[in-house]
Amino acid sequence: MLAPKPLPTGGSAALPLPKYHQVYLVLRERLEEGRFAHGVPGEMLLMKEFGVARVTVRRALERLANEGLIERAPGRGTVAVSRPAARADARAAAPDADPASRARLTGLLENIVSMGLKTRVEVVGCEVLPAPQAVAPRLGLAEGEPVHKAVRVRSTDEGPLSHITTYVPASLAQGIGQSELKAKPLLILLEESGVRIGRAAQSISARLADVDVARHLQVDVGSPLLAVNRLIFDEADRPVQWLNGLYRPDRYQYEMQLSRVGGIDAKVWVSRELTAQFP
């Protein structure tokens, strides 16, 4: 197994940020994603992961504590402060969301499948596990119910493009393993198993690469990435897949074409076409 990649110490590719601030930013994103529900790793583990000194880790943790994101208690270690799921995620998952904001098969999903067919895939991991706290409500499951988790890295001729993590209710993903994911996009596999894909709701933001993602995408720890969260529903409007995608912005471009709706005073734009472009 490859050793964790230390934070950049200099050179043109390094971010102009103190090391402690880079650690702080990566840990804050993990906290917001609910990845520390069972406790934040100890200082020694974080030192090893990021390749930094104890004082660097302590400054990052102190800032998180000052912002009320973690609590450091003797005997309990460092724990995440419970935070409700983002309102944006709740709106995206709501069945009665504005139809104008929904991405439909004729646009987004066709391009997702198209991208899957035009890139090479490495299946990093594939397993059935209890639904994490941050994932279960998005899929309409109780925390701990079984989900199928897959981690894949897609590449073009230029190199790694994206790091994709998907969660699917285990009852819908029976028979889907590494060999199947290597051969076909997950959406095609789900449809072949009888799932009728209906719509998708997604948000696009930015995120910094942590140690694991940086190694797979061949970028520095702390490098900015395009982050896509996508919830896919079937035709009965039941959630069937939750996806977290991280894309190298130098190799991936997402475009939307918009049309104006209404009269001369209207300021509403709706999407006509969604495309994912890459070399």
C-alpha atoms as a PDB file:
ATOM      1  CA  MET A   1       0.000   0.000   0.000  1.00  0.00           C
ATOM      2  CA  LEU A   2       1.283   3.460  -0.831  1.00  0.00           C
ATOM      3  CA  ALA A   3       2.360   5.622   2.091  1.00  0.00           C
ATOM      4  CA  PRO A   4       0.303   8.773   2.823  1.00  0.00           C
ATOM      5  CA  LYS A   5       1.519  11.802   0.936  1.00  0.00           C
ATOM      6  CA  PRO A   6       2.785  14.579   3.256  1.00  0.00           C
ATOM      7  CA  LEU A   7       1.417  18.091   2.976  1.00  0.00           C
ATOM      8  CA  PRO A   8       3.316  20.191   0.396  1.00  0.00           C
ATOM      9  CA  THR A   9       6.253  22.090   1.838  1.00  0.00           C
ATOM     10  CA  GLY A  10       7.056  24.358  -1.063  1.00  0.00           C
ATOM     11  CA  GLY A  11       7.305  24.717  -4.806  1.00  0.00           C
ATOM     12  CA  SER A  12       4.916  26.178  -7.358  1.00  0.00           C
ATOM     13  CA  ALA A  13       2.209  23.547  -6.716  1.00  0.00           C
ATOM     14  CA  ALA A  14       1.932  24.235  -2.973  1.00  0.00           C
ATOM     15  CA  LEU A  15      -0.969  26.277  -1.650  1.00  0.00           C
ATOM     16  CA  PRO A  16       0.010  29.568   0.090  1.00  0.00           C
ATOM     17  CA  LEU A  17      -1.561  28.333   3.356  1.00  0.00           C
ATOM     18  CA  PRO A  18       0.048  27.384   6.671  1.00  0.00           C
ATOM     19  CA  LYS A  19       0.164  23.638   7.249  1.00  0.00           C
ATOM     20  CA  TYR A  20      -2.135  23.831  10.261  1.00  0.00           C
ATOM     21  CA  HIS A  21      -4.718  25.672   8.161  1.00  0.00           C
ATOM     22  CA  GLN A  22      -4.616  22.995   5.467  1.00  0.00           C
ATOM     23  CA  VAL A  23      -5.171  20.297   8.122  1.00  0.00           C
ATOM     24  CA  TYR A  24      -7.973  22.385   9.615  1.00  0.00           C
ATOM     25  CA  LEU A  25      -9.730  22.765   6.247  1.00  0.00           C
ATOM     26  CA  VAL A  26      -9.583  19.050   5.443  1.00  0.00           C
ATOM     27  CA  LEU A  27     -10.832  18.055   8.905  1.00  0.00           C
ATOM     28  CA  ARG A  28     -13.634  20.631   8.766  1.00  0.00           C
ATOM     29  CA  GLU A  29     -14.887  19.173   5.487  1.00  0.00           C
ATOM     30  CA  ARG A  30     -14.850  15.674   6.989  1.00  0.00           C
ATOM     31  CA  LEU A  31     -16.812  16.925   9.993  1.00  0.00           C
ATOM     32  CA  GLU A  32     -19.403  18.567   7.749  1.00  0.00           C
ATOM     33  CA  GLU A  33     -19.792  15.271   5.902  1.00  0.00           C
ATOM     34  CA  GLY A  34     -20.418  13.390   9.150  1.00  0.00           C
ATOM     35  CA  ARG A  35     -17.332  11.212   8.777  1.00  0.00           C
ATOM     36  CA  PHE A  36     -16.341  11.469  12.457  1.00  0.00           C
ATOM     37  CA  ALA A  37     -19.568  10.248  14.025  1.00  0.00           C
ATOM     38  CA  HIS A  38     -17.605   7.814  16.204  1.00  0.00           C
ATOM     39  CA  GLY A  39     -14.878  10.232  17.202  1.00  0.00           C
ATOM     40  CA  VAL A  40     -12.090  12.275  15.657  1.00  0.00           C
ATOM     41  CA  PRO A  41      -8.763  10.430  15.202  1.00  0.00           C
ATOM     42  CA  GLY A  42      -6.167  11.124  17.845  1.00  0.00           C
ATOM     43  CA  GLU A  43      -3.252  13.487  17.427  1.00  0.00           C
ATOM     44  CA  MET A  44      -0.744  10.729  16.660  1.00  0.00           C
ATOM     45  CA  LEU A  45      -2.918   9.307  13.865  1.00  0.00           C
ATOM     46  CA  LEU A  46      -3.454  12.761  12.362  1.00  0.00           C
ATOM     47  CA  MET A  47       0.276  13.504  12.564  1.00  0.00           C
ATOM     48  CA  LYS A  48       1.000  10.287  10.655  1.00  0.00           C
ATOM     49  CA  GLU A  49      -1.737  10.856   8.077  1.00  0.00           C
ATOM     50  CA  PHE A  50      -0.770  14.422   7.207  1.00  0.00           C
ATOM     51  CA  GLY A  51       2.957  14.096   7.792  1.00  0.00           C
ATOM     52  CA  VAL A  52       3.078  17.069  10.168  1.00  0.00           C
ATOM     53  CA  ALA A  53       4.242  17.848  13.708  1.00  0.00           C
ATOM     54  CA  ARG A  54       2.048  17.622  16.809  1.00  0.00           C
ATOM     55  CA  VAL A  55       1.927  21.419  17.174  1.00  0.00           C
ATOM     56  CA  THR A  56       0.430  21.647  13.678  1.00  0.00           C
ATOM     57  CA  VAL A  57      -2.319  19.153  14.494  1.00  0.00           C
ATOM     58  CA  ARG A  58      -3.051  20.859  17.807  1.00  0.00           C
ATOM     59  CA  ARG A  59      -3.473  24.270  16.171  1.00  0.00           C
ATOM     60  CA  ALA A  60      -5.909  22.779  13.641  1.00  0.00           C
ATOM     61  CA  LEU A  61      -7.917  21.055  16.382  1.00  0.00           C
ATOM     62  CA  GLU A  62      -7.938  24.201  18.523  1.00  0.00           C
ATOM     63  CA  ARG A  63      -9.472  26.160  15.681  1.00  0.00           C
ATOM     64  CA  LEU A  64     -12.153  23.505  15.145  1.00  0.00           C
ATOM     65  CA  ALA A  65     -12.900  23.578  18.871  1.00  0.00           C
ATOM     66  CA  ASN A  66     -13.115  27.384  18.908  1.00  0.00           C
ATOM     67  CA  GLU A  67     -15.676  27.186  16.090  1.00  0.00           C
ATOM     68  CA  GLY A  68     -17.779  24.725  18.064  1.00  0.00           C
ATOM     69  CA  LEU A  69     -17.241  21.858  15.625  1.00  0.00           C
ATOM     70  CA  ILE A  70     -15.507  19.518  18.071  1.00  0.00           C
ATOM     71  CA  GLU A  71     -15.243  18.996  21.811  1.00  0.00           C
ATOM     72  CA  ARG A  72     -12.044  17.830  23.489  1.00  0.00           C
ATOM     73  CA  ALA A  73     -12.868  16.129  26.789  1.00  0.00           C
ATOM     74  CA  PRO A  74     -10.494  14.198  29.096  1.00  0.00           C
ATOM     75  CA  GLY A  75     -11.215  10.491  28.939  1.00  0.00           C
ATOM     76  CA  ARG A  76     -13.454  10.804  25.866  1.00  0.00           C
ATOM     77  CA  GLY A  77     -10.953  12.079  23.346  1.00  0.00           C
ATOM     78  CA  THR A  78     -12.086  14.445  20.616  1.00  0.00           C
ATOM     79  CA  VAL A  79     -15.681  14.146  19.449  1.00  0.00           C
ATOM     80  CA  ALA A  80     -17.666  15.892  16.738  1.00  0.00           C
ATOM     81  CA  VAL A  81     -20.441  18.232  17.841  1.00  0.00           C
ATOM     82  CA  SER A  82     -23.714  16.945  16.414  1.00  0.00           C
ATOM     83  CA  ARG A  83     -24.860  19.107  13.520  1.00  0.00           C
ATOM     84  CA  PRO A  84     -28.051  18.756  11.457  1.00  0.00           C
ATOM     85  CA  ALA A  85     -27.743  17.853   7.789  1.00  0.00           C
ATOM     86  CA  ALA A  86     -27.369  20.828   5.521  1.00  0.00           C
ATOM     87  CA  ARG A  87     -30.643  22.474   4.543  1.00  0.00           C
ATOM     88  CA  ALA A  88     -29.580  22.395   0.921  1.00  0.00           C
ATOM     89  CA  ASP A  89     -29.290  18.611   1.029  1.00  0.00           C
ATOM     90  CA  ALA A  90     -32.741  18.348   2.597  1.00  0.00           C
ATOM     91  CA  ARG A  91     -34.270  20.517  -0.109  1.00  0.00           C
ATOM     92  CA  ALA A  92     -32.559  18.516  -2.827  1.00  0.00           C
ATOM     93  CA  ALA A  93     -33.885  15.260  -1.400  1.00  0.00           C
ATOM     94  CA  ALA A  94     -37.456  16.487  -0.919  1.00  0.00           C
ATOM     95  CA  PRO A  95     -39.940  14.767  -3.267  1.00  0.00           C
ATOM     96  CA  ASP A  96     -41.815  18.050  -3.811  1.00  0.00           C
ATOM     97  CA  ALA A  97     -38.744  20.039  -4.859  1.00  0.00           C
ATOM     98  CA  ASP A  98     -39.238  22.588  -7.620  1.00  0.00           C
ATOM     99  CA  PRO A  99     -39.339  20.661 -10.934  1.00  0.00           C
ATOM    100  CA  ALA A 100     -37.219  23.361 -12.564  1.00  0.00           C
ATOM    101  CA  SER A 101     -34.338  22.384 -10.267  1.00  0.00           C
ATOM    102  CA  ARG A 102     -34.509  18.671 -11.072  1.00  0.00           C
ATOM    103  CA  ALA A 103     -32.005  17.081 -13.413  1.00  0.00           C
ATOM    104  CA  ARG A 104     -33.762  14.514 -15.615  1.00  0.00           C
ATOM    105  CA  LEU A 105     -32.686  11.528 -17.644  1.00  0.00           C
ATOM    106  CA  THR A 106     -32.693  13.438 -20.936  1.00  0.00           C
ATOM    107  CA  GLY A 107     -29.836  15.559 -19.655  1.00  0.00           C
ATOM    108  CA  LEU A 108     -27.814  14.836 -16.565  1.00  0.00           C
ATOM    109  CA  LEU A 109     -28.197  11.085 -16.204  1.00  0.00           C
ATOM    110  CA  GLU A 110     -27.484  10.345 -19.850  1.00  0.00           C
ATOM    111  CA  ASN A 111     -24.258  12.308 -19.562  1.00  0.00           C
ATOM    112  CA  ILE A 112     -23.323  10.494 -16.360  1.00  0.00           C
ATOM    113  CA  VAL A 113     -23.633   7.179 -18.163  1.00  0.00           C
ATOM    114  CA  SER A 114     -21.850   8.582 -21.227  1.00  0.00           C
ATOM    115  CA  MET A 115     -18.919   9.684 -19.088  1.00  0.00           C
ATOM    116  CA  GLY A 116     -18.801   6.235 -17.499  1.00  0.00           C
ATOM    117  CA  LEU A 117     -18.552   4.628 -20.903  1.00  0.00           C
ATOM    118  CA  LYS A 118     -15.811   6.981 -22.154  1.00  0.00           C
ATOM    119  CA  THR A 119     -13.416   6.720 -19.217  1.00  0.00           C
ATOM    120  CA  ARG A 120     -11.395   3.949 -17.621  1.00  0.00           C
ATOM    121  CA  VAL A 121     -12.306   2.892 -14.109  1.00  0.00           C
ATOM    122  CA  GLU A 122     -10.345   1.501 -11.179  1.00  0.00           C
ATOM    123  CA  VAL A 123     -12.505  -0.040  -8.451  1.00  0.00           C
ATOM    124  CA  VAL A 124     -10.774   0.992  -5.232  1.00  0.00           C
ATOM    125  CA  GLY A 125     -13.276  -0.672  -2.919  1.00  0.00           C
ATOM    126  CA  CYS A 126     -16.659  -2.407  -2.877  1.00  0.00           C
ATOM    127  CA  GLU A 127     -18.439  -3.628   0.255  1.00  0.00           C
ATOM    128  CA  VAL A 128     -21.723  -3.882   2.129  1.00  0.00           C
ATOM    129  CA  LEU A 129     -21.668  -2.071   5.469  1.00  0.00           C
ATOM    130  CA  PRO A 130     -24.035  -0.375   7.944  1.00  0.00           C
ATOM    131  CA  ALA A 131     -25.307   2.941   6.577  1.00  0.00           C
ATOM    132  CA  PRO A 132     -23.209   5.825   7.991  1.00  0.00           C
ATOM    133  CA  GLN A 133     -24.994   8.532   9.938  1.00  0.00           C
ATOM    134  CA  ALA A 134     -24.564  11.058   7.129  1.00  0.00           C
ATOM    135  CA  VAL A 135     -25.826   8.673   4.424  1.00  0.00           C
ATOM    136  CA  ALA A 136     -28.808   6.840   5.938  1.00  0.00           C
ATOM    137  CA  PRO A 137     -31.343   9.720   5.919  1.00  0.00           C
ATOM    138  CA  ARG A 138     -30.544  10.612   2.332  1.00  0.00           C
ATOM    139  CA  LEU A 139     -31.434   7.088   1.215  1.00  0.00           C
ATOM    140  CA  GLY A 140     -34.477   6.908   3.458  1.00  0.00           C
ATOM    141  CA  LEU A 141     -32.854   4.275   5.669  1.00  0.00           C
ATOM    142  CA  ALA A 142     -32.422   3.898   9.395  1.00  0.00           C
ATOM    143  CA  GLU A 143     -28.857   4.377  10.588  1.00  0.00           C
ATOM    144  CA  GLY A 144     -27.095   1.025  10.457  1.00  0.00           C
ATOM    145  CA  GLU A 145     -29.234  -0.543   7.726  1.00  0.00           C
ATOM    146  CA  PRO A 146     -27.027  -2.233   5.092  1.00  0.00           C
ATOM    147  CA  VAL A 147     -25.812  -0.202   2.132  1.00  0.00           C
ATOM    148  CA  HIS A 148     -23.592  -1.078  -0.812  1.00  0.00           C
ATOM    149  CA  LYS A 149     -20.582   1.247  -0.897  1.00  0.00           C
ATOM    150  CA  ALA A 150     -18.324   1.531  -3.925  1.00  0.00           C
ATOM    151  CA  VAL A 151     -15.257   3.720  -4.412  1.00  0.00           C
ATOM    152  CA  ARG A 152     -13.974   4.208  -7.941  1.00  0.00           C
ATOM    153  CA  VAL A 153     -11.384   6.341  -9.695  1.00  0.00           C
ATOM    154  CA  ARG A 154     -12.045   7.283 -13.320  1.00  0.00           C
ATOM    155  CA  SER A 155      -9.269   8.295 -15.700  1.00  0.00           C
ATOM    156  CA  THR A 156      -8.756   9.610 -19.202  1.00  0.00           C
ATOM    157  CA  ASP A 157      -5.624   9.373 -21.321  1.00  0.00           C
ATOM    158  CA  GLU A 158      -4.264  12.365 -19.371  1.00  0.00           C
ATOM    159  CA  GLY A 159      -4.569  10.593 -16.030  1.00  0.00           C
ATOM    160  CA  PRO A 160      -6.950  10.448 -13.060  1.00  0.00           C
ATOM    161  CA  LEU A 161     -10.116  12.507 -13.467  1.00  0.00           C
ATOM    162  CA  SER A 162     -12.467  11.748 -10.576  1.00  0.00           C
ATOM    163  CA  HIS A 163     -12.806   9.976  -7.250  1.00  0.00           C
ATOM    164  CA  ILE A 164     -16.385   8.705  -6.856  1.00  0.00           C
ATOM    165  CA  THR A 165     -17.992   7.226  -3.743  1.00  0.00           C
ATOM    166  CA  THR A 166     -21.512   5.811  -4.084  1.00  0.00           C
ATOM    167  CA  TYR A 167     -23.993   4.370  -1.608  1.00  0.00           C
ATOM    168  CA  VAL A 168     -26.970   2.224  -2.671  1.00  0.00           C
ATOM    169  CA  PRO A 169     -29.463   0.340  -0.468  1.00  0.00           C
ATOM    170  CA  ALA A 170     -28.035  -3.164  -0.239  1.00  0.00           C
ATOM    171  CA  SER A 171     -31.347  -4.694  -1.364  1.00  0.00           C
ATOM    172  CA  LEU A 172     -30.952  -2.961  -4.753  1.00  0.00           C
ATOM    173  CA  ALA A 173     -27.299  -3.847  -5.316  1.00  0.00           C
ATOM    174  CA  GLN A 174     -27.305  -7.613  -4.907  1.00  0.00           C
ATOM    175  CA  GLY A 175     -24.868  -9.242  -7.297  1.00  0.00           C
ATOM    176  CA  ILE A 176     -22.962  -6.005  -7.972  1.00  0.00           C
ATOM    177  CA  GLY A 177     -19.290  -6.522  -7.184  1.00  0.00           C
ATOM    178  CA  GLN A 178     -15.908  -5.283  -8.349  1.00  0.00           C
ATOM    179  CA  SER A 179     -15.977  -7.151 -11.662  1.00  0.00           C
ATOM    180  CA  GLU A 180     -19.420  -5.748 -12.544  1.00  0.00           C
ATOM    181  CA  LEU A 181     -18.400  -2.200 -11.592  1.00  0.00           C
ATOM    182  CA  LYS A 182     -15.253  -2.580 -13.658  1.00  0.00           C
ATOM    183  CA  ALA A 183     -17.309  -3.506 -16.721  1.00  0.00           C
ATOM    184  CA  LYS A 184     -20.278  -1.121 -16.548  1.00  0.00           C
ATOM    185  CA  PRO A 185     -21.404   2.168 -14.924  1.00  0.00           C
ATOM    186  CA  LEU A 186     -23.383   1.647 -11.725  1.00  0.00           C
ATOM    187  CA  LEU A 187     -26.547   3.252 -13.134  1.00  0.00           C
ATOM    188  CA  ILE A 188     -26.623   0.744 -15.963  1.00  0.00           C
ATOM    189  CA  LEU A 189     -26.149  -2.101 -13.485  1.00  0.00           C
ATOM    190  CA  LEU A 190     -29.034  -0.805 -11.372  1.00  0.00           C
ATOM    191  CA  GLU A 191     -31.322  -0.522 -14.372  1.00  0.00           C
ATOM    192  CA  GLU A 192     -30.389  -4.043 -15.463  1.00  0.00           C
ATOM    193  CA  SER A 193     -31.411  -5.240 -11.994  1.00  0.00           C
ATOM    194  CA  GLY A 194     -34.855  -3.695 -12.423  1.00  0.00           C
ATOM    195  CA  VAL A 195     -34.426  -0.190 -10.969  1.00  0.00           C
ATOM    196  CA  ARG A 196     -36.153   2.424 -13.137  1.00  0.00           C
ATOM    197  CA  ILE A 197     -34.171   5.651 -12.813  1.00  0.00           C
ATOM    198  CA  GLY A 198     -36.353   8.751 -12.598  1.00  0.00           C
ATOM    199  CA  ARG A 199     -34.553  11.956 -11.622  1.00  0.00           C
ATOM    200  CA  ALA A 200     -31.498  13.321  -9.872  1.00  0.00           C
ATOM    201  CA  ALA A 201     -30.904  16.272  -7.561  1.00  0.00           C
ATOM    202  CA  GLN A 202     -27.403  17.550  -7.045  1.00  0.00           C
ATOM    203  CA  SER A 203     -25.250  20.302  -5.635  1.00  0.00           C
ATOM    204  CA  ILE A 204     -21.850  21.442  -6.868  1.00  0.00           C
ATOM    205  CA  SER A 205     -19.276  23.058  -4.620  1.00  0.00           C
ATOM    206  CA  ALA A 206     -15.559  22.951  -3.867  1.00  0.00           C
ATOM    207  CA  ARG A 207     -13.499  20.797  -1.552  1.00  0.00           C
ATOM    208  CA  LEU A 208      -9.852  20.309  -0.661  1.00  0.00           C
ATOM    209  CA  ALA A 209      -8.166  16.984  -1.359  1.00  0.00           C
ATOM    210  CA  ASP A 210      -7.430  14.906   1.712  1.00  0.00           C
ATOM    211  CA  VAL A 211      -4.555  12.429   1.883  1.00  0.00           C
ATOM    212  CA  ASP A 212      -6.412   9.463   0.383  1.00  0.00           C
ATOM    213  CA  VAL A 213      -8.083  11.363  -2.461  1.00  0.00           C
ATOM    214  CA  ALA A 214      -4.885  13.273  -3.253  1.00  0.00           C
ATOM    215  CA  ARG A 215      -3.015  10.004  -3.723  1.00  0.00           C
ATOM    216  CA  HIS A 216      -5.627   8.613  -6.114  1.00  0.00           C
ATOM    217  CA  LEU A 217      -5.995  11.817  -8.150  1.00  0.00           C
ATOM    218  CA  GLN A 218      -2.245  12.536  -8.142  1.00  0.00           C
ATOM    219  CA  VAL A 219      -2.547  16.029  -6.663  1.00  0.00           C
ATOM    220  CA  ASP A 220      -1.140  17.686  -3.540  1.00  0.00           C
ATOM    221  CA  VAL A 221      -2.989  17.357  -0.254  1.00  0.00           C
ATOM    222  CA  GLY A 222      -5.115  20.489   0.103  1.00  0.00           C
ATOM    223  CA  SER A 223      -5.534  21.000  -3.653  1.00  0.00           C
ATOM    224  CA  PRO A 224      -8.950  22.422  -4.647  1.00  0.00           C
ATOM    225  CA  LEU A 225     -11.353  19.951  -6.290  1.00  0.00           C
ATOM    226  CA  LEU A 226     -14.803  20.242  -7.825  1.00  0.00           C
ATOM    227  CA  ALA A 227     -17.202  18.453  -5.452  1.00  0.00           C
ATOM    228  CA  VAL A 228     -20.510  16.997  -6.634  1.00  0.00           C
ATOM    229  CA  ASN A 229     -23.144  15.544  -4.314  1.00  0.00           C
ATOM    230  CA  ARG A 230     -25.910  13.745  -6.202  1.00  0.00           C
ATOM    231  CA  LEU A 231     -29.042  11.959  -5.026  1.00  0.00           C
ATOM    232  CA  ILE A 232     -30.726   9.740  -7.616  1.00  0.00           C
ATOM    233  CA  PHE A 233     -34.365   8.656  -7.390  1.00  0.00           C
ATOM    234  CA  ASP A 234     -36.348   5.965  -9.165  1.00  0.00           C
ATOM    235  CA  GLU A 235     -39.592   6.634 -11.048  1.00  0.00           C
ATOM    236  CA  ALA A 236     -41.531   6.227  -7.790  1.00  0.00           C
ATOM    237  CA  ASP A 237     -39.388   9.023  -6.312  1.00  0.00           C
ATOM    238  CA  ARG A 238     -37.569   6.724  -3.910  1.00  0.00           C
ATOM    239  CA  PRO A 239     -33.857   7.481  -3.364  1.00  0.00           C
ATOM    240  CA  VAL A 240     -31.702   4.734  -4.872  1.00  0.00           C
ATOM    241  CA  GLN A 241     -28.174   6.188  -4.912  1.00  0.00           C
ATOM    242  CA  TRP A 242     -26.194   8.805  -2.988  1.00  0.00           C
ATOM    243  CA  LEU A 243     -22.991   9.907  -4.713  1.00  0.00           C
ATOM    244  CA  ASN A 244     -20.019  11.990  -3.630  1.00  0.00           C
ATOM    245  CA  GLY A 245     -17.795  12.893  -6.572  1.00  0.00           C
ATOM    246  CA  LEU A 246     -14.481  14.754  -6.479  1.00  0.00           C
ATOM    247  CA  TYR A 247     -13.079  15.986  -9.799  1.00  0.00           C
ATOM    248  CA  ARG A 248      -9.798  17.537 -10.850  1.00  0.00           C
ATOM    249  CA  PRO A 249     -10.776  20.970 -12.217  1.00  0.00           C
ATOM    250  CA  ASP A 250      -7.950  20.889 -14.746  1.00  0.00           C
ATOM    251  CA  ARG A 251      -9.448  17.775 -16.378  1.00  0.00           C
ATOM    252  CA  TYR A 252     -13.192  18.181 -15.897  1.00  0.00           C
ATOM    253  CA  GLN A 253     -15.649  20.862 -16.977  1.00  0.00           C
ATOM    254  CA  TYR A 254     -19.370  20.958 -16.201  1.00  0.00           C
ATOM    255  CA  GLU A 255     -21.599  23.095 -18.442  1.00  0.00           C
ATOM    256  CA  MET A 256     -25.259  24.095 -18.428  1.00  0.00           C
ATOM    257  CA  GLN A 257     -27.194  25.881 -21.148  1.00  0.00           C
ATOM    258  CA  LEU A 258     -30.004  28.066 -19.792  1.00  0.00           C
ATOM    259  CA  SER A 259     -33.163  29.473 -21.360  1.00  0.00           C
ATOM    260  CA  ARG A 260     -35.091  32.467 -20.107  1.00  0.00           C
ATOM    261  CA  VAL A 261     -38.687  31.756 -19.096  1.00  0.00           C
ATOM    262  CA  GLY A 262     -41.512  34.301 -18.990  1.00  0.00           C
ATOM    263  CA  GLY A 263     -41.994  37.853 -20.264  1.00  0.00           C
ATOM    264  CA  ILE A 264     -39.646  40.766 -20.527  1.00  0.00           C
ATOM    265  CA  ASP A 265     -39.593  41.255 -16.754  1.00  0.00           C
ATOM    266  CA  ALA A 266     -38.850  37.602 -16.037  1.00  0.00           C
ATOM    267  CA  LYS A 267     -35.572  36.795 -14.404  1.00  0.00           C
ATOM    268  CA  VAL A 268     -36.008  33.042 -14.206  1.00  0.00           C
ATOM    269  CA  TRP A 269     -33.699  30.728 -16.104  1.00  0.00           C
ATOM    270  CA  VAL A 270     -34.175  26.985 -16.505  1.00  0.00           C
ATOM    271  CA  SER A 271     -31.689  24.420 -17.741  1.00  0.00           C
ATOM    272  CA  ARG A 272     -32.070  22.996 -21.222  1.00  0.00           C
ATOM    273  CA  GLU A 273     -29.025  20.798 -21.357  1.00  0.00           C
ATOM    274  CA  LEU A 274     -26.385  19.552 -18.964  1.00  0.00           C
ATOM    275  CA  THR A 275     -23.060  18.247 -20.154  1.00  0.00           C
ATOM    276  CA  ALA A 276     -19.948  16.894 -18.556  1.00  0.00           C
ATOM    277  CA  GLN A 277     -16.853  17.602 -20.635  1.00  0.00           C
ATOM    278  CA  PHE A 278     -13.415  16.131 -20.202  1.00  0.00           C
ATOM    279  CA  PRO A 279     -10.413  15.542 -22.450  1.00  0.00           C
END
